[in-house]
Amino acid sequence: VLYVGNYSSLAPDPDADGANVAQQAIEQAGGRFLHH
């Protein structure tokens, strides 16, 4: 799953923005998170 856009912090944390939520959900579901 490719995420295109600014992504200040790739490290997941509880106060994460929507992109971090997407990264966590995708990785927990067994997907591979890509970023540009």
PDB file of all heavy atoms in Angstrom:
ATOM      1  N   VAL A   1       0.868  -1.178   0.000  1.00  0.00           N
ATOM      2  CA  VAL A   1       0.000   0.000   0.000  1.00  0.00           C
ATOM      3  C   VAL A   1       0.903   1.225   0.000  1.00  0.00           C
ATOM      4  O   VAL A   1       1.708   1.412   0.907  1.00  0.00           O
ATOM      5  CB  VAL A   1      -0.927   0.007   1.236  1.00  0.00           C
ATOM      6  CG1 VAL A   1      -1.789   1.249   1.242  1.00  0.00           C
ATOM      7  CG2 VAL A   1      -1.778  -1.253   1.275  1.00  0.00           C
ATOM      8  N   LEU A   2       0.769   2.046  -1.039  1.00  0.00           N
ATOM      9  CA  LEU A   2       1.589   3.242  -1.177  1.00  0.00           C
ATOM     10  C   LEU A   2       0.843   4.441  -0.614  1.00  0.00           C
ATOM     11  O   LEU A   2      -0.290   4.707  -0.987  1.00  0.00           O
ATOM     12  CB  LEU A   2       1.908   3.495  -2.659  1.00  0.00           C
ATOM     13  CG  LEU A   2       2.634   4.801  -2.975  1.00  0.00           C
ATOM     14  CD1 LEU A   2       4.012   4.834  -2.318  1.00  0.00           C
ATOM     15  CD2 LEU A   2       2.750   4.983  -4.480  1.00  0.00           C
ATOM     16  N   TYR A   3       1.491   5.160   0.295  1.00  0.00           N
ATOM     17  CA  TYR A   3       0.957   6.408   0.838  1.00  0.00           C
ATOM     18  C   TYR A   3       1.740   7.540   0.197  1.00  0.00           C
ATOM     19  O   TYR A   3       2.951   7.638   0.356  1.00  0.00           O
ATOM     20  CB  TYR A   3       1.099   6.433   2.365  1.00  0.00           C
ATOM     21  CG  TYR A   3       0.606   7.718   2.959  1.00  0.00           C
ATOM     22  CD1 TYR A   3      -0.741   7.907   3.206  1.00  0.00           C
ATOM     23  CD2 TYR A   3       1.482   8.758   3.254  1.00  0.00           C
ATOM     24  CE1 TYR A   3      -1.207   9.101   3.734  1.00  0.00           C
ATOM     25  CE2 TYR A   3       1.028   9.946   3.783  1.00  0.00           C
ATOM     26  CZ  TYR A   3      -0.326  10.102   4.020  1.00  0.00           C
ATOM     27  OH  TYR A   3      -0.794  11.281   4.535  1.00  0.00           O
ATOM     28  N   VAL A   4       1.056   8.421  -0.557  1.00  0.00           N
ATOM     29  CA  VAL A   4       1.707   9.542  -1.219  1.00  0.00           C
ATOM     30  C   VAL A   4       1.294  10.813  -0.494  1.00  0.00           C
ATOM     31  O   VAL A   4       0.118  11.148  -0.437  1.00  0.00           O
ATOM     32  CB  VAL A   4       1.306   9.625  -2.713  1.00  0.00           C
ATOM     33  CG1 VAL A   4       2.030  10.780  -3.381  1.00  0.00           C
ATOM     34  CG2 VAL A   4       1.598   8.319  -3.417  1.00  0.00           C
ATOM     35  N   GLY A   5       2.284  11.502   0.083  1.00  0.00           N
ATOM     36  CA  GLY A   5       2.011  12.747   0.788  1.00  0.00           C
ATOM     37  C   GLY A   5       3.014  12.961   1.889  1.00  0.00           C
ATOM     38  O   GLY A   5       3.837  12.096   2.178  1.00  0.00           O
ATOM     39  N   ASN A   6       2.941  14.145   2.503  1.00  0.00           N
ATOM     40  CA  ASN A   6       3.831  14.438   3.623  1.00  0.00           C
ATOM     41  C   ASN A   6       3.526  13.488   4.769  1.00  0.00           C
ATOM     42  O   ASN A   6       2.383  13.197   5.072  1.00  0.00           O
ATOM     43  CB  ASN A   6       3.658  15.875   4.098  1.00  0.00           C
ATOM     44  CG  ASN A   6       4.232  16.860   3.117  1.00  0.00           C
ATOM     45  OD1 ASN A   6       5.046  16.508   2.276  1.00  0.00           O
ATOM     46  ND2 ASN A   6       3.808  18.095   3.216  1.00  0.00           N
ATOM     47  N   TYR A   7       4.563  13.063   5.401  1.00  0.00           N
ATOM     48  CA  TYR A   7       4.422  12.084   6.451  1.00  0.00           C
ATOM     49  C   TYR A   7       5.538  12.331   7.442  1.00  0.00           C
ATOM     50  O   TYR A   7       6.608  11.758   7.337  1.00  0.00           O
ATOM     51  CB  TYR A   7       4.509  10.699   5.826  1.00  0.00           C
ATOM     52  CG  TYR A   7       4.074   9.569   6.718  1.00  0.00           C
ATOM     53  CD1 TYR A   7       2.897   9.653   7.428  1.00  0.00           C
ATOM     54  CD2 TYR A   7       4.831   8.427   6.825  1.00  0.00           C
ATOM     55  CE1 TYR A   7       2.483   8.617   8.221  1.00  0.00           C
ATOM     56  CE2 TYR A   7       4.427   7.379   7.615  1.00  0.00           C
ATOM     57  CZ  TYR A   7       3.263   7.476   8.310  1.00  0.00           C
ATOM     58  OH  TYR A   7       2.850   6.443   9.098  1.00  0.00           O
ATOM     59  N   SER A   8       5.304  13.235   8.384  1.00  0.00           N
ATOM     60  CA  SER A   8       6.387  13.722   9.235  1.00  0.00           C
ATOM     61  C   SER A   8       6.992  12.644  10.115  1.00  0.00           C
ATOM     62  O   SER A   8       8.173  12.615  10.339  1.00  0.00           O
ATOM     63  CB  SER A   8       5.879  14.879  10.095  1.00  0.00           C
ATOM     64  OG  SER A   8       4.783  14.443  10.880  1.00  0.00           O
ATOM     65  N   SER A   9       6.173  11.755  10.600  1.00  0.00           N
ATOM     66  CA  SER A   9       6.706  10.737  11.516  1.00  0.00           C
ATOM     67  C   SER A   9       6.227   9.363  11.090  1.00  0.00           C
ATOM     68  O   SER A   9       5.043   9.063  11.120  1.00  0.00           O
ATOM     69  CB  SER A   9       6.224  11.032  12.935  1.00  0.00           C
ATOM     70  OG  SER A   9       6.515   9.954  13.766  1.00  0.00           O
ATOM     71  N   LEU A  10       7.145   8.525  10.701  1.00  0.00           N
ATOM     72  CA  LEU A  10       6.776   7.162  10.314  1.00  0.00           C
ATOM     73  C   LEU A  10       6.642   6.253  11.529  1.00  0.00           C
ATOM     74  O   LEU A  10       6.153   5.149  11.430  1.00  0.00           O
ATOM     75  CB  LEU A  10       7.810   6.580   9.346  1.00  0.00           C
ATOM     76  CG  LEU A  10       7.768   7.160   7.942  1.00  0.00           C
ATOM     77  CD1 LEU A  10       8.939   6.644   7.130  1.00  0.00           C
ATOM     78  CD2 LEU A  10       6.480   6.843   7.247  1.00  0.00           C
ATOM     79  N   ALA A  11       7.097   6.710  12.683  1.00  0.00           N
ATOM     80  CA  ALA A  11       7.012   5.885  13.887  1.00  0.00           C
ATOM     81  C   ALA A  11       5.613   5.961  14.471  1.00  0.00           C
ATOM     82  O   ALA A  11       5.122   7.032  14.780  1.00  0.00           O
ATOM     83  CB  ALA A  11       8.023   6.372  14.914  1.00  0.00           C
ATOM     84  N   PRO A  12       4.917   4.803  14.623  1.00  0.00           N
ATOM     85  CA  PRO A  12       3.563   4.844  15.166  1.00  0.00           C
ATOM     86  C   PRO A  12       3.566   5.241  16.643  1.00  0.00           C
ATOM     87  O   PRO A  12       4.423   4.831  17.387  1.00  0.00           O
ATOM     88  CB  PRO A  12       3.061   3.421  14.993  1.00  0.00           C
ATOM     89  CG  PRO A  12       4.184   2.626  14.441  1.00  0.00           C
ATOM     90  CD  PRO A  12       5.366   3.495  14.248  1.00  0.00           C
ATOM     91  N   ASP A  13       2.615   6.059  17.021  1.00  0.00           N
ATOM     92  CA  ASP A  13       2.418   6.367  18.433  1.00  0.00           C
ATOM     93  C   ASP A  13       0.935   6.608  18.680  1.00  0.00           C
ATOM     94  O   ASP A  13       0.172   6.801  17.749  1.00  0.00           O
ATOM     95  CB  ASP A  13       3.296   7.534  18.884  1.00  0.00           C
ATOM     96  CG  ASP A  13       2.845   8.888  18.363  1.00  0.00           C
ATOM     97  OD1 ASP A  13       1.629   9.129  18.274  1.00  0.00           O
ATOM     98  OD2 ASP A  13       3.714   9.712  18.061  1.00  0.00           O
ATOM     99  N   PRO A  14       0.492   6.601  19.935  1.00  0.00           N
ATOM    100  CA  PRO A  14      -0.933   6.728  20.219  1.00  0.00           C
ATOM    101  C   PRO A  14      -1.549   8.029  19.743  1.00  0.00           C
ATOM    102  O   PRO A  14      -2.719   8.090  19.431  1.00  0.00           O
ATOM    103  CB  PRO A  14      -1.013   6.627  21.742  1.00  0.00           C
ATOM    104  CG  PRO A  14       0.318   6.203  22.216  1.00  0.00           C
ATOM    105  CD  PRO A  14       1.299   6.415  21.125  1.00  0.00           C
ATOM    106  N   ASP A  15      -0.780   9.110  19.697  1.00  0.00           N
ATOM    107  CA  ASP A  15      -1.310  10.402  19.273  1.00  0.00           C
ATOM    108  C   ASP A  15      -1.064  10.643  17.783  1.00  0.00           C
ATOM    109  O   ASP A  15      -0.980  11.761  17.327  1.00  0.00           O
ATOM    110  CB  ASP A  15      -0.650  11.533  20.075  1.00  0.00           C
ATOM    111  CG  ASP A  15      -0.919  11.382  21.559  1.00  0.00           C
ATOM    112  OD1 ASP A  15      -2.032  10.936  21.899  1.00  0.00           O
ATOM    113  OD2 ASP A  15      -0.018  11.687  22.350  1.00  0.00           O
ATOM    114  N   ALA A  16      -0.978   9.577  17.018  1.00  0.00           N
ATOM    115  CA  ALA A  16      -0.600   9.660  15.615  1.00  0.00           C
ATOM    116  C   ALA A  16      -1.675  10.315  14.774  1.00  0.00           C
ATOM    117  O   ALA A  16      -2.840  10.297  15.111  1.00  0.00           O
ATOM    118  CB  ALA A  16      -0.331   8.262  15.089  1.00  0.00           C
ATOM    119  N   ASP A  17      -1.234  10.888  13.669  1.00  0.00           N
ATOM    120  CA  ASP A  17      -2.199  11.425  12.723  1.00  0.00           C
ATOM    121  C   ASP A  17      -2.762  10.283  11.889  1.00  0.00           C
ATOM    122  O   ASP A  17      -2.431   9.121  12.091  1.00  0.00           O
ATOM    123  CB  ASP A  17      -1.563  12.516  11.850  1.00  0.00           C
ATOM    124  CG  ASP A  17      -0.438  11.989  10.965  1.00  0.00           C
ATOM    125  OD1 ASP A  17      -0.218  10.762  10.937  1.00  0.00           O
ATOM    126  OD2 ASP A  17       0.212  12.811  10.305  1.00  0.00           O
ATOM    127  N   GLY A  18      -3.609  10.613  10.925  1.00  0.00           N
ATOM    128  CA  GLY A  18      -4.294   9.594  10.142  1.00  0.00           C
ATOM    129  C   GLY A  18      -3.363   8.683   9.378  1.00  0.00           C
ATOM    130  O   GLY A  18      -3.634   7.501   9.215  1.00  0.00           O
ATOM    131  N   ALA A  19      -2.242   9.218   8.877  1.00  0.00           N
ATOM    132  CA  ALA A  19      -1.313   8.399   8.119  1.00  0.00           C
ATOM    133  C   ALA A  19      -0.687   7.324   8.996  1.00  0.00           C
ATOM    134  O   ALA A  19      -0.495   6.188   8.570  1.00  0.00           O
ATOM    135  CB  ALA A  19      -0.240   9.273   7.483  1.00  0.00           C
ATOM    136  N   ASN A  20      -0.367   7.672  10.250  1.00  0.00           N
ATOM    137  CA  ASN A  20       0.173   6.669  11.166  1.00  0.00           C
ATOM    138  C   ASN A  20      -0.870   5.598  11.470  1.00  0.00           C
ATOM    139  O   ASN A  20      -0.544   4.427  11.597  1.00  0.00           O
ATOM    140  CB  ASN A  20       0.648   7.316  12.468  1.00  0.00           C
ATOM    141  CG  ASN A  20       1.991   7.993  12.303  1.00  0.00           C
ATOM    142  OD1 ASN A  20       2.785   7.618  11.466  1.00  0.00           O
ATOM    143  ND2 ASN A  20       2.221   9.009  13.102  1.00  0.00           N
ATOM    144  N   VAL A  21      -2.115   6.010  11.600  1.00  0.00           N
ATOM    145  CA  VAL A  21      -3.191   5.048  11.814  1.00  0.00           C
ATOM    146  C   VAL A  21      -3.268   4.096  10.632  1.00  0.00           C
ATOM    147  O   VAL A  21      -3.394   2.884  10.791  1.00  0.00           O
ATOM    148  CB  VAL A  21      -4.549   5.772  12.024  1.00  0.00           C
ATOM    149  CG1 VAL A  21      -5.692   4.788  12.040  1.00  0.00           C
ATOM    150  CG2 VAL A  21      -4.516   6.579  13.301  1.00  0.00           C
ATOM    151  N   ALA A  22      -3.166   4.641   9.426  1.00  0.00           N
ATOM    152  CA  ALA A  22      -3.193   3.812   8.219  1.00  0.00           C
ATOM    153  C   ALA A  22      -2.003   2.860   8.204  1.00  0.00           C
ATOM    154  O   ALA A  22      -2.159   1.674   7.899  1.00  0.00           O
ATOM    155  CB  ALA A  22      -3.180   4.690   6.975  1.00  0.00           C
ATOM    156  N   GLN A  23      -0.818   3.354   8.553  1.00  0.00           N
ATOM    157  CA  GLN A  23       0.365   2.498   8.559  1.00  0.00           C
ATOM    158  C   GLN A  23       0.197   1.357   9.560  1.00  0.00           C
ATOM    159  O   GLN A  23       0.470   0.205   9.249  1.00  0.00           O
ATOM    160  CB  GLN A  23       1.614   3.304   8.909  1.00  0.00           C
ATOM    161  CG  GLN A  23       2.873   2.439   8.938  1.00  0.00           C
ATOM    162  CD  GLN A  23       4.113   3.204   9.345  1.00  0.00           C
ATOM    163  OE1 GLN A  23       4.033   4.365   9.740  1.00  0.00           O
ATOM    164  NE2 GLN A  23       5.249   2.557   9.252  1.00  0.00           N
ATOM    165  N   GLN A  24      -0.262   1.679  10.750  1.00  0.00           N
ATOM    166  CA  GLN A  24      -0.470   0.644  11.761  1.00  0.00           C
ATOM    167  C   GLN A  24      -1.475  -0.399  11.285  1.00  0.00           C
ATOM    168  O   GLN A  24      -1.241  -1.599  11.403  1.00  0.00           O
ATOM    169  CB  GLN A  24      -0.961   1.269  13.070  1.00  0.00           C
ATOM    170  CG  GLN A  24       0.078   2.084  13.783  1.00  0.00           C
ATOM    171  CD  GLN A  24      -0.509   2.826  14.981  1.00  0.00           C
ATOM    172  OE1 GLN A  24      -1.706   2.807  15.214  1.00  0.00           O
ATOM    173  NE2 GLN A  24       0.356   3.494  15.724  1.00  0.00           N
ATOM    174  N   ALA A  25      -2.589   0.057  10.756  1.00  0.00           N
ATOM    175  CA  ALA A  25      -3.637  -0.867  10.318  1.00  0.00           C
ATOM    176  C   ALA A  25      -3.156  -1.747   9.182  1.00  0.00           C
ATOM    177  O   ALA A  25      -3.422  -2.955   9.159  1.00  0.00           O
ATOM    178  CB  ALA A  25      -4.878  -0.089   9.902  1.00  0.00           C
ATOM    179  N   ILE A  26      -2.449  -1.177   8.254  1.00  0.00           N
ATOM    180  CA  ILE A  26      -1.964  -1.941   7.096  1.00  0.00           C
ATOM    181  C   ILE A  26      -0.931  -2.969   7.531  1.00  0.00           C
ATOM    182  O   ILE A  26      -0.986  -4.133   7.126  1.00  0.00           O
ATOM    183  CB  ILE A  26      -1.392  -0.975   6.036  1.00  0.00           C
ATOM    184  CG1 ILE A  26      -2.537  -0.205   5.385  1.00  0.00           C
ATOM    185  CG2 ILE A  26      -0.586  -1.725   4.987  1.00  0.00           C
ATOM    186  CD1 ILE A  26      -2.108   1.022   4.625  1.00  0.00           C
ATOM    187  N   GLU A  27      -0.004  -2.559   8.379  1.00  0.00           N
ATOM    188  CA  GLU A  27       1.023  -3.494   8.822  1.00  0.00           C
ATOM    189  C   GLU A  27       0.444  -4.589   9.714  1.00  0.00           C
ATOM    190  O   GLU A  27       0.853  -5.746   9.641  1.00  0.00           O
ATOM    191  CB  GLU A  27       2.145  -2.735   9.520  1.00  0.00           C
ATOM    192  CG  GLU A  27       2.975  -1.921   8.540  1.00  0.00           C
ATOM    193  CD  GLU A  27       4.031  -1.063   9.191  1.00  0.00           C
ATOM    194  OE1 GLU A  27       4.021  -0.928  10.446  1.00  0.00           O
ATOM    195  OE2 GLU A  27       4.867  -0.514   8.450  1.00  0.00           O
ATOM    196  N   GLN A  28      -0.528  -4.253  10.560  1.00  0.00           N
ATOM    197  CA  GLN A  28      -1.166  -5.268  11.399  1.00  0.00           C
ATOM    198  C   GLN A  28      -1.972  -6.243  10.565  1.00  0.00           C
ATOM    199  O   GLN A  28      -2.142  -7.398  10.953  1.00  0.00           O
ATOM    200  CB  GLN A  28      -2.065  -4.612  12.449  1.00  0.00           C
ATOM    201  CG  GLN A  28      -1.281  -3.911  13.537  1.00  0.00           C
ATOM    202  CD  GLN A  28      -2.178  -3.153  14.503  1.00  0.00           C
ATOM    203  OE1 GLN A  28      -3.395  -3.151  14.368  1.00  0.00           O
ATOM    204  NE2 GLN A  28      -1.565  -2.500  15.482  1.00  0.00           N
ATOM    205  N   ALA A  29      -2.471  -5.809   9.425  1.00  0.00           N
ATOM    206  CA  ALA A  29      -3.257  -6.682   8.561  1.00  0.00           C
ATOM    207  C   ALA A  29      -2.363  -7.515   7.649  1.00  0.00           C
ATOM    208  O   ALA A  29      -2.865  -8.299   6.839  1.00  0.00           O
ATOM    209  CB  ALA A  29      -4.221  -5.859   7.715  1.00  0.00           C
ATOM    210  N   GLY A  30      -1.059  -7.355   7.773  1.00  0.00           N
ATOM    211  CA  GLY A  30      -0.145  -8.157   6.973  1.00  0.00           C
ATOM    212  C   GLY A  30       0.270  -7.505   5.671  1.00  0.00           C
ATOM    213  O   GLY A  30       0.875  -8.159   4.822  1.00  0.00           O
ATOM    214  N   GLY A  31      -0.032  -6.250   5.511  1.00  0.00           N
ATOM    215  CA  GLY A  31       0.352  -5.538   4.298  1.00  0.00           C
ATOM    216  C   GLY A  31       1.690  -4.864   4.460  1.00  0.00           C
ATOM    217  O   GLY A  31       2.247  -4.785   5.551  1.00  0.00           O
ATOM    218  N   ARG A  32       2.208  -4.368   3.361  1.00  0.00           N
ATOM    219  CA  ARG A  32       3.484  -3.662   3.354  1.00  0.00           C
ATOM    220  C   ARG A  32       3.205  -2.197   3.086  1.00  0.00           C
ATOM    221  O   ARG A  32       2.557  -1.844   2.100  1.00  0.00           O
ATOM    222  CB  ARG A  32       4.391  -4.237   2.273  1.00  0.00           C
ATOM    223  CG  ARG A  32       5.808  -3.790   2.352  1.00  0.00           C
ATOM    224  CD  ARG A  32       6.678  -4.614   1.417  1.00  0.00           C
ATOM    225  NE  ARG A  32       6.054  -4.750   0.110  1.00  0.00           N
ATOM    226  CZ  ARG A  32       6.603  -4.370  -1.036  1.00  0.00           C
ATOM    227  NH1 ARG A  32       7.802  -3.871  -1.036  1.00  0.00           N
ATOM    228  NH2 ARG A  32       5.969  -4.507  -2.173  1.00  0.00           N
ATOM    229  N   PHE A  33       3.666  -1.323   3.964  1.00  0.00           N
ATOM    230  CA  PHE A  33       3.410   0.115   3.869  1.00  0.00           C
ATOM    231  C   PHE A  33       4.556   0.773   3.123  1.00  0.00           C
ATOM    232  O   PHE A  33       5.708   0.681   3.509  1.00  0.00           O
ATOM    233  CB  PHE A  33       3.279   0.714   5.276  1.00  0.00           C
ATOM    234  CG  PHE A  33       2.871   2.148   5.275  1.00  0.00           C
ATOM    235  CD1 PHE A  33       1.540   2.507   5.154  1.00  0.00           C
ATOM    236  CD2 PHE A  33       3.812   3.157   5.405  1.00  0.00           C
ATOM    237  CE1 PHE A  33       1.143   3.831   5.154  1.00  0.00           C
ATOM    238  CE2 PHE A  33       3.437   4.488   5.408  1.00  0.00           C
ATOM    239  CZ  PHE A  33       2.095   4.827   5.293  1.00  0.00           C
ATOM    240  N   LEU A  34       4.246   1.446   2.001  1.00  0.00           N
ATOM    241  CA  LEU A  34       5.234   2.187   1.224  1.00  0.00           C
ATOM    242  C   LEU A  34       4.912   3.675   1.337  1.00  0.00           C
ATOM    243  O   LEU A  34       3.757   4.040   1.546  1.00  0.00           O
ATOM    244  CB  LEU A  34       5.173   1.775  -0.251  1.00  0.00           C
ATOM    245  CG  LEU A  34       5.319   0.299  -0.558  1.00  0.00           C
ATOM    246  CD1 LEU A  34       5.088   0.049  -2.036  1.00  0.00           C
ATOM    247  CD2 LEU A  34       6.693  -0.201  -0.141  1.00  0.00           C
ATOM    248  N   HIS A  35       5.921   4.505   1.167  1.00  0.00           N
ATOM    249  CA  HIS A  35       5.695   5.944   1.294  1.00  0.00           C
ATOM    250  C   HIS A  35       6.450   6.691   0.215  1.00  0.00           C
ATOM    251  O   HIS A  35       7.580   6.348  -0.128  1.00  0.00           O
ATOM    252  CB  HIS A  35       6.161   6.430   2.672  1.00  0.00           C
ATOM    253  CG  HIS A  35       6.115   7.917   2.790  1.00  0.00           C
ATOM    254  ND1 HIS A  35       7.245   8.688   2.803  1.00  0.00           N
ATOM    255  CD2 HIS A  35       5.073   8.778   2.863  1.00  0.00           C
ATOM    256  CE1 HIS A  35       6.903   9.961   2.902  1.00  0.00           C
ATOM    257  NE2 HIS A  35       5.594  10.042   2.927  1.00  0.00           N
ATOM    258  N   HIS A  36       5.805   7.720  -0.333  1.00  0.00           N
ATOM    259  CA  HIS A  36       6.463   8.673  -1.229  1.00  0.00           C
ATOM    260  C   HIS A  36       5.984  10.061  -0.812  1.00  0.00           C
ATOM    261  O   HIS A  36       4.792  10.270  -0.611  1.00  0.00           O
ATOM    262  CB  HIS A  36       6.104   8.403  -2.692  1.00  0.00           C
ATOM    263  CG  HIS A  36       6.876   9.265  -3.636  1.00  0.00           C
ATOM    264  ND1 HIS A  36       6.504  10.558  -3.933  1.00  0.00           N
ATOM    265  CD2 HIS A  36       8.020   9.037  -4.323  1.00  0.00           C
ATOM    266  CE1 HIS A  36       7.381  11.076  -4.782  1.00  0.00           C
ATOM    267  NE2 HIS A  36       8.306  10.178  -5.034  1.00  0.00           N
TER     268      HIS A  36
END
